C-alpha atoms as a PDB file:
ATOM      1  CA  UNK A   1       2.913  -5.567  28.635  1.00  0.00           C
ATOM      2  CA  UNK A   2       2.410  -6.245  24.919  1.00  0.00           C
ATOM      3  CA  UNK A   3       5.469  -6.884  22.720  1.00  0.00           C
ATOM      4  CA  UNK A   4       5.408  -5.648  19.151  1.00  0.00           C
ATOM      5  CA  UNK A   5       7.937  -6.650  16.592  1.00  0.00           C
ATOM      6  CA  UNK A   6       8.072  -5.426  13.088  1.00  0.00           C
ATOM      7  CA  UNK A   7       9.924  -7.014  10.162  1.00  0.00           C
ATOM      8  CA  UNK A   8      10.104  -6.877   6.317  1.00  0.00           C
ATOM      9  CA  UNK A   9      11.889  -3.497   5.810  1.00  0.00           C
ATOM     10  CA  UNK A  10      14.650  -3.082   3.316  1.00  0.00           C
ATOM     11  CA  UNK A  11      15.840  -1.130   0.233  1.00  0.00           C
ATOM     12  CA  UNK A  12      13.679  -1.026  -2.915  1.00  0.00           C
ATOM     13  CA  UNK A  13      13.546   0.727  -6.028  1.00  0.00           C
ATOM     14  CA  UNK A  14      10.822   3.272  -6.897  1.00  0.00           C
ATOM     15  CA  UNK A  15       7.769   1.428  -8.279  1.00  0.00           C
ATOM     16  CA  UNK A  16       8.762  -1.724  -6.269  1.00  0.00           C
ATOM     17  CA  UNK A  17       6.987  -3.559  -3.358  1.00  0.00           C
ATOM     18  CA  UNK A  18       7.579  -4.588   0.153  1.00  0.00           C
ATOM     19  CA  UNK A  19       5.594  -6.412   2.800  1.00  0.00           C
ATOM     20  CA  UNK A  20       6.010  -5.435   6.413  1.00  0.00           C
ATOM     21  CA  UNK A  21       4.838  -7.766   9.136  1.00  0.00           C
ATOM     22  CA  UNK A  22       3.807  -6.922  12.773  1.00  0.00           C
ATOM     23  CA  UNK A  23       3.631  -9.573  15.501  1.00  0.00           C
ATOM     24  CA  UNK A  24       2.063  -8.870  18.782  1.00  0.00           C
ATOM     25  CA  UNK A  25       2.437 -10.959  21.872  1.00  0.00           C
ATOM     26  CA  UNK A  26       2.047 -10.799  25.618  1.00  0.00           C
ATOM     27  CA  UNK A  27      -1.022  -9.183  27.261  1.00  0.00           C
ATOM     28  CA  UNK A  28      -3.928  -9.256  24.816  1.00  0.00           C
ATOM     29  CA  UNK A  29      -7.049  -7.178  24.478  1.00  0.00           C
ATOM     30  CA  UNK A  30     -10.406  -8.509  23.965  1.00  0.00           C
ATOM     31  CA  UNK A  31     -10.825  -6.011  21.085  1.00  0.00           C
ATOM     32  CA  UNK A  32      -7.804  -4.269  19.662  1.00  0.00           C
ATOM     33  CA  UNK A  33      -6.593  -2.238  16.723  1.00  0.00           C
ATOM     34  CA  UNK A  34      -3.203  -2.478  15.071  1.00  0.00           C
ATOM     35  CA  UNK A  35      -1.707   0.528  13.198  1.00  0.00           C
ATOM     36  CA  UNK A  36       1.170   1.490  11.053  1.00  0.00           C
ATOM     37  CA  UNK A  37       2.998   4.878  11.394  1.00  0.00           C
ATOM     38  CA  UNK A  38       6.112   6.112   9.804  1.00  0.00           C
ATOM     39  CA  UNK A  39       8.754   8.822  10.467  1.00  0.00           C
ATOM     40  CA  UNK A  40      11.055  10.223   7.876  1.00  0.00           C
ATOM     41  CA  UNK A  41      14.266  12.272   8.779  1.00  0.00           C
ATOM     42  CA  UNK A  42      13.433  15.561  10.079  1.00  0.00           C
ATOM     43  CA  UNK A  43       9.751  14.894  10.007  1.00  0.00           C
ATOM     44  CA  UNK A  44       7.196  14.019  12.590  1.00  0.00           C
ATOM     45  CA  UNK A  45       5.658  10.636  13.001  1.00  0.00           C
ATOM     46  CA  UNK A  46       2.630  10.208  10.640  1.00  0.00           C
ATOM     47  CA  UNK A  47      -0.259   7.760  10.464  1.00  0.00           C
ATOM     48  CA  UNK A  48      -0.197   5.355   7.662  1.00  0.00           C
ATOM     49  CA  UNK A  49      -2.882   2.587   8.212  1.00  0.00           C
ATOM     50  CA  UNK A  50      -4.941   0.851  10.802  1.00  0.00           C
ATOM     51  CA  UNK A  51      -7.189  -2.157  11.021  1.00  0.00           C
ATOM     52  CA  UNK A  52      -9.431  -3.646  13.776  1.00  0.00           C
ATOM     53  CA  UNK A  53      -8.985  -7.115  14.850  1.00  0.00           C
ATOM     54  CA  UNK A  54     -12.621  -7.983  14.406  1.00  0.00           C
ATOM     55  CA  UNK A  55     -12.561  -6.752  10.696  1.00  0.00           C
ATOM     56  CA  UNK A  56     -14.289  -3.945   9.076  1.00  0.00           C
ATOM     57  CA  UNK A  57     -13.037  -1.394   6.785  1.00  0.00           C
ATOM     58  CA  UNK A  58      -9.261  -0.339   7.401  1.00  0.00           C
ATOM     59  CA  UNK A  59      -8.265   3.286   7.629  1.00  0.00           C
ATOM     60  CA  UNK A  60      -5.508   4.776   5.446  1.00  0.00           C
ATOM     61  CA  UNK A  61      -3.704   8.014   5.127  1.00  0.00           C
ATOM     62  CA  UNK A  62      -4.505   9.815   1.744  1.00  0.00           C
ATOM     63  CA  UNK A  63      -0.878   9.454   0.802  1.00  0.00           C
ATOM     64  CA  UNK A  64      -0.908   5.798   0.699  1.00  0.00           C
ATOM     65  CA  UNK A  65      -4.504   4.950  -0.375  1.00  0.00           C
ATOM     66  CA  UNK A  66      -4.546   2.750  -3.462  1.00  0.00           C
ATOM     67  CA  UNK A  67      -0.891   1.714  -2.941  1.00  0.00           C
ATOM     68  CA  UNK A  68      -0.865   0.128   0.538  1.00  0.00           C
ATOM     69  CA  UNK A  69      -2.991  -2.499   2.036  1.00  0.00           C
ATOM     70  CA  UNK A  70      -3.235  -3.485   5.714  1.00  0.00           C
ATOM     71  CA  UNK A  71      -4.422  -6.828   6.772  1.00  0.00           C
ATOM     72  CA  UNK A  72      -4.394  -9.179   9.640  1.00  0.00           C
ATOM     73  CA  UNK A  73      -4.009 -12.841  10.614  1.00  0.00           C
ATOM     74  CA  UNK A  74      -5.966 -13.452  13.708  1.00  0.00           C
ATOM     75  CA  UNK A  75      -4.452 -16.866  14.618  1.00  0.00           C
ATOM     76  CA  UNK A  76      -0.964 -15.401  14.685  1.00  0.00           C
ATOM     77  CA  UNK A  77      -1.758 -12.046  16.124  1.00  0.00           C
ATOM     78  CA  UNK A  78      -0.054 -10.617  13.190  1.00  0.00           C
ATOM     79  CA  UNK A  79      -0.785  -7.581  10.983  1.00  0.00           C
ATOM     80  CA  UNK A  80       0.746  -6.877   7.514  1.00  0.00           C
ATOM     81  CA  UNK A  81       1.423  -3.840   5.464  1.00  0.00           C
ATOM     82  CA  UNK A  82       1.590  -4.553   1.763  1.00  0.00           C
ATOM     83  CA  UNK A  83       3.344  -1.606   0.123  1.00  0.00           C
ATOM     84  CA  UNK A  84       3.116  -1.282  -3.698  1.00  0.00           C
ATOM     85  CA  UNK A  85       4.183   1.302  -6.132  1.00  0.00           C
ATOM     86  CA  UNK A  86       6.660   2.648  -3.612  1.00  0.00           C
ATOM     87  CA  UNK A  87       7.952   6.227  -3.967  1.00  0.00           C
ATOM     88  CA  UNK A  88      11.052   7.903  -2.703  1.00  0.00           C
ATOM     89  CA  UNK A  89       8.857   9.926  -0.345  1.00  0.00           C
ATOM     90  CA  UNK A  90       7.801   6.528   1.375  1.00  0.00           C
ATOM     91  CA  UNK A  91      11.278   6.275   2.720  1.00  0.00           C
ATOM     92  CA  UNK A  92      11.133   6.198   6.474  1.00  0.00           C
ATOM     93  CA  UNK A  93      11.155   4.120   9.665  1.00  0.00           C
ATOM     94  CA  UNK A  94       7.829   2.279   9.850  1.00  0.00           C
ATOM     95  CA  UNK A  95       6.391   1.527  13.244  1.00  0.00           C
ATOM     96  CA  UNK A  96       3.721  -0.854  14.272  1.00  0.00           C
ATOM     97  CA  UNK A  97       1.476  -0.082  17.192  1.00  0.00           C
ATOM     98  CA  UNK A  98      -1.219  -1.810  19.129  1.00  0.00           C
ATOM     99  CA  UNK A  99      -4.170  -0.008  20.828  1.00  0.00           C
ATOM    100  CA  UNK A 100      -7.504  -0.523  22.528  1.00  0.00           C
ATOM    101  CA  UNK A 101     -10.077  -1.169  19.940  1.00  0.00           C
ATOM    102  CA  UNK A 102     -13.027  -0.308  22.052  1.00  0.00           C
ATOM    103  CA  UNK A 103     -13.536   2.949  20.297  1.00  0.00           C
ATOM    104  CA  UNK A 104     -16.120   3.012  17.470  1.00  0.00           C
ATOM    105  CA  UNK A 105     -13.630   4.576  15.091  1.00  0.00           C
ATOM    106  CA  UNK A 106     -10.002   3.565  14.114  1.00  0.00           C
ATOM    107  CA  UNK A 107      -7.474   5.874  15.752  1.00  0.00           C
ATOM    108  CA  UNK A 108      -5.230   7.777  13.270  1.00  0.00           C
ATOM    109  CA  UNK A 109      -3.192   9.483  16.032  1.00  0.00           C
ATOM    110  CA  UNK A 110      -0.335   8.094  17.885  1.00  0.00           C
ATOM    111  CA  UNK A 111      -2.134   8.757  21.246  1.00  0.00           C
ATOM    112  CA  UNK A 112      -4.623   6.101  20.292  1.00  0.00           C
ATOM    113  CA  UNK A 113      -2.051   3.408  20.575  1.00  0.00           C
ATOM    114  CA  UNK A 114      -0.387   2.157  23.768  1.00  0.00           C
ATOM    115  CA  UNK A 115       2.360  -0.228  22.590  1.00  0.00           C
ATOM    116  CA  UNK A 116       5.005   0.268  20.047  1.00  0.00           C
ATOM    117  CA  UNK A 117       7.550  -1.671  18.182  1.00  0.00           C
ATOM    118  CA  UNK A 118      11.082  -0.558  17.400  1.00  0.00           C
ATOM    119  CA  UNK A 119      10.570   0.200  13.873  1.00  0.00           C
ATOM    120  CA  UNK A 120      11.883  -1.025  10.607  1.00  0.00           C
ATOM    121  CA  UNK A 121      13.624   1.000   7.917  1.00  0.00           C
ATOM    122  CA  UNK A 122      12.096   1.256   4.418  1.00  0.00           C
ATOM    123  CA  UNK A 123      14.271   2.928   1.822  1.00  0.00           C
ATOM    124  CA  UNK A 124      12.958   3.674  -1.581  1.00  0.00           C
ATOM    125  CA  UNK A 125      15.661   4.695  -4.144  1.00  0.00           C
ATOM    126  CA  UNK A 126      14.775   6.665  -7.178  1.00  0.00           C
END
């Protein structure tokens, strides 16, 4: 069982920045991916970004390209989501997830991930 814990959420004004962290522990994969999803009130959970532990080009949702950056720190089994130029529509609960990285492509659907964190709230005021 993999434990996934997010941190770093909070309240920020539009145009501001936040950095989310995701720490994974427990059973580890030889190769794995870490992804970020978000869910706003009344909306479905949507993909935000993903990164493979071995490196390579990350994957981003169109809505966050150029504003969000996903990165990883291998020694700490931790991934980060740097969020800049935040907008009120970025308000949501942000979830980190870990999945099997054996696929040739980064998964952008929830089904591609097996272990999830509890989420961290991000609120962007206008």
